[in-house]
Amino acid sequence: MEKMPIVNLLDTARGLADSGRRVDVLWQHPESLVFVARGREYRSEFHINPSDETMYQIKGVMHLHYRTPEGKEEVAVIPEGSIIYTPAGIPHSPRFPPDAFALIAERKRRPGEVDRFQWYCPKCDNLLHEESCVVEDYKSDPVSQAYKRFFDSEEFRTCKNCGEVMPAP
């Protein structure tokens, strides 16, 4: 029988803060992926996850920006000690400061499943760019990789509708 992990979430959060890393994957199994995330001060993309997701706010407050089926951006405020359920396919953007931490639980990706990351123009709300990737191992931190590709390209950050350029962090 495999050992069942017991994790102290506050110790894990402190370890992330001390290390400067953004994510600590606690476990990955075929039907389960759980990690602690530290806030990113520059988060602006909307993640489209192929699986359901729950987010428990360990420390601090999260502003979960999400897009409705009609494409309207809305915000859910998740206070410390609270949890939210986000169904698969909902574009969402968990925004919280670097001294705040969340526990994320979702299903590990099945072979060939695609995660998508979308950025919208801050001036006119036009879709700027979409990154897609197959996530085989969440320890590779796909969010940071998508951010690097997006922010390294002024072309990706330039709105085709109004010409606004999203600044790099």
Protein backbone atom coordinates (compact mmCIF):
# COMPACT_ATOMS: atom_id res chain seq x y z
CA MET A 1 0.00 0.00 0.00
CA GLU A 2 1.23 3.47 -0.88
CA LYS A 3 1.92 5.83 2.01
CA MET A 4 -0.85 8.41 2.53
CA PRO A 5 0.77 11.86 2.77
CA ILE A 6 -0.04 14.23 5.62
CA VAL A 7 0.87 17.82 4.79
CA ASN A 8 1.07 20.86 7.05
CA LEU A 9 -0.28 23.58 4.74
CA LEU A 10 1.13 26.52 6.72
CA ASP A 11 4.63 24.98 6.75
CA THR A 12 4.33 24.32 3.01
CA ALA A 13 3.27 27.96 2.43
CA ARG A 14 6.21 29.25 4.50
CA GLY A 15 8.57 27.02 2.52
CA LEU A 16 7.26 28.45 -0.76
CA ALA A 17 7.69 32.02 0.51
CA ASP A 18 11.26 31.29 1.64
CA SER A 19 12.21 29.57 -1.63
CA GLY A 20 10.71 32.14 -4.01
CA ARG A 21 8.95 29.36 -5.93
CA ARG A 22 5.29 29.73 -6.93
CA VAL A 23 4.05 26.13 -6.70
CA ASP A 24 4.68 23.11 -4.48
CA VAL A 25 3.07 19.95 -5.88
CA LEU A 26 1.98 17.81 -2.93
CA TRP A 27 0.96 14.79 -5.02
CA GLN A 28 0.05 13.71 -8.55
CA HIS A 29 -1.86 10.51 -9.20
CA PRO A 30 -4.04 9.49 -12.17
CA GLU A 31 -7.21 10.97 -10.63
CA SER A 32 -5.72 13.53 -8.26
CA LEU A 33 -3.41 16.54 -8.44
CA VAL A 34 -2.95 18.73 -5.36
CA PHE A 35 -0.62 21.67 -4.93
CA VAL A 36 -0.08 24.81 -2.89
CA ALA A 37 0.23 28.01 -4.94
CA ARG A 38 1.71 31.32 -3.90
CA GLY A 39 0.13 34.44 -5.37
CA ARG A 40 1.54 36.09 -8.48
CA GLU A 41 1.43 39.86 -8.40
CA TYR A 42 1.28 39.98 -12.21
CA ARG A 43 -1.41 37.36 -12.88
CA SER A 44 -3.64 38.46 -15.75
CA GLU A 45 -4.44 35.39 -17.85
CA PHE A 46 -7.52 33.21 -17.75
CA HIS A 47 -6.82 29.49 -17.37
CA ILE A 48 -9.15 26.99 -19.02
CA ASN A 49 -8.73 23.73 -17.18
CA PRO A 50 -9.94 20.43 -18.70
CA SER A 51 -10.94 19.22 -15.20
CA ASP A 52 -12.97 20.50 -12.28
CA GLU A 53 -10.98 22.40 -9.69
CA THR A 54 -11.34 23.45 -6.06
CA MET A 55 -9.37 26.30 -4.53
CA TYR A 56 -9.05 26.65 -0.75
CA GLN A 57 -7.61 29.97 0.41
CA ILE A 58 -5.08 29.06 3.12
CA LYS A 59 -3.86 32.61 3.79
CA GLY A 60 -4.95 35.98 2.43
CA VAL A 61 -7.80 36.83 0.06
CA MET A 62 -8.19 35.65 -3.55
CA HIS A 63 -10.05 37.58 -6.23
CA LEU A 64 -11.08 34.90 -8.70
CA HIS A 65 -11.73 36.62 -12.03
CA TYR A 66 -13.76 34.45 -14.38
CA ARG A 67 -15.57 34.77 -17.68
CA THR A 68 -19.25 33.93 -17.99
CA PRO A 69 -20.57 31.88 -20.94
CA GLU A 70 -21.48 35.26 -22.52
CA GLY A 71 -17.82 36.35 -22.23
CA LYS A 72 -18.36 38.91 -19.44
CA GLU A 73 -15.65 39.15 -16.77
CA GLU A 74 -16.84 38.79 -13.18
CA VAL A 75 -15.01 38.45 -9.84
CA ALA A 76 -15.64 36.13 -6.89
CA VAL A 77 -13.91 37.10 -3.62
CA ILE A 78 -12.63 34.10 -1.65
CA PRO A 79 -11.67 35.06 1.92
CA GLU A 80 -9.03 33.25 3.96
CA GLY A 81 -10.31 29.87 5.12
CA SER A 82 -12.87 29.59 2.28
CA ILE A 83 -13.11 27.26 -0.70
CA ILE A 84 -14.57 27.62 -4.20
CA TYR A 85 -15.49 25.03 -6.82
CA THR A 86 -14.69 25.88 -10.46
CA PRO A 87 -16.16 23.54 -13.12
CA ALA A 88 -14.02 22.36 -16.03
CA GLY A 89 -13.94 24.73 -18.99
CA ILE A 90 -14.63 27.97 -17.08
CA PRO A 91 -11.97 30.58 -17.94
CA HIS A 92 -10.67 31.72 -14.55
CA SER A 93 -7.84 33.80 -13.16
CA PRO A 94 -6.99 33.39 -9.46
CA ARG A 95 -5.44 36.68 -8.35
CA PHE A 96 -3.87 37.06 -4.93
CA PRO A 97 -0.66 38.67 -3.61
CA PRO A 98 2.67 36.84 -3.18
CA ASP A 99 2.18 36.65 0.60
CA ALA A 100 -1.12 34.73 0.14
CA PHE A 101 -1.46 30.99 -0.49
CA ALA A 102 -4.08 28.65 -1.92
CA LEU A 103 -4.51 24.87 -1.95
CA ILE A 104 -5.59 23.69 -5.41
CA ALA A 105 -7.10 20.25 -6.04
CA GLU A 106 -8.00 18.97 -9.49
CA ARG A 107 -7.75 15.85 -11.63
CA LYS A 108 -4.34 15.10 -13.10
CA ARG A 109 -4.45 15.58 -16.87
CA ARG A 110 -5.27 12.60 -19.02
CA PRO A 111 -3.00 11.88 -22.00
CA GLY A 112 -3.54 14.51 -24.70
CA GLU A 113 -5.72 16.84 -22.61
CA VAL A 114 -4.99 20.50 -23.29
CA ASP A 115 -4.77 23.40 -20.85
CA ARG A 116 -5.35 26.84 -22.34
CA PHE A 117 -4.30 30.29 -21.13
CA GLN A 118 -5.96 33.42 -22.55
CA TRP A 119 -5.10 37.10 -22.20
CA TYR A 120 -7.53 39.93 -22.95
CA CYS A 121 -6.84 43.55 -23.81
CA PRO A 122 -7.06 45.74 -20.69
CA LYS A 123 -8.49 48.58 -22.81
CA CYS A 124 -11.14 46.96 -25.07
CA ASP A 125 -11.40 43.35 -23.73
CA ASN A 126 -10.49 41.82 -27.10
CA LEU A 127 -8.70 38.44 -26.95
CA LEU A 128 -4.97 39.20 -27.21
CA HIS A 129 -3.45 35.75 -27.23
CA GLU A 130 -4.00 32.12 -26.29
CA GLU A 131 -1.34 29.63 -25.20
CA SER A 132 -2.12 25.90 -25.21
CA CYS A 133 -0.12 23.08 -23.69
CA VAL A 134 -0.36 19.46 -22.67
CA VAL A 135 0.59 19.18 -19.00
CA GLU A 136 2.19 15.82 -18.29
CA ASP A 137 3.82 16.86 -15.01
CA TYR A 138 2.50 19.84 -13.07
CA LYS A 139 5.88 20.25 -11.37
CA SER A 140 7.03 21.84 -14.67
CA ASP A 141 4.89 24.89 -13.66
CA PRO A 142 2.97 25.40 -16.93
CA VAL A 143 1.59 28.77 -15.79
CA SER A 144 5.07 30.30 -15.51
CA GLN A 145 6.05 28.88 -18.89
CA ALA A 146 2.91 30.28 -20.57
CA TYR A 147 3.59 33.67 -18.95
CA LYS A 148 7.16 33.73 -20.22
CA ARG A 149 6.10 33.00 -23.81
CA PHE A 150 3.37 35.66 -23.66
CA PHE A 151 5.33 38.45 -22.00
CA ASP A 152 8.46 37.82 -24.10
CA SER A 153 6.46 38.71 -27.23
CA GLU A 154 5.28 42.27 -27.87
CA GLU A 155 3.29 40.88 -30.81
CA PHE A 156 1.27 38.64 -28.46
CA ARG A 157 0.69 41.57 -26.07
CA THR A 158 -0.50 43.97 -28.80
CA CYS A 159 -4.25 44.21 -29.36
CA LYS A 160 -5.28 43.62 -32.98
CA ASN A 161 -8.47 45.63 -32.29
CA CYS A 162 -7.32 48.87 -30.61
CA GLY A 163 -3.48 48.74 -30.73
CA GLU A 164 -3.05 48.77 -26.92
CA VAL A 165 0.09 46.97 -25.72
CA MET A 166 -0.23 45.09 -22.44
CA PRO A 167 2.88 45.97 -20.42
CA ALA A 168 5.22 43.22 -19.29
CA PRO A 169 5.51 42.84 -15.49
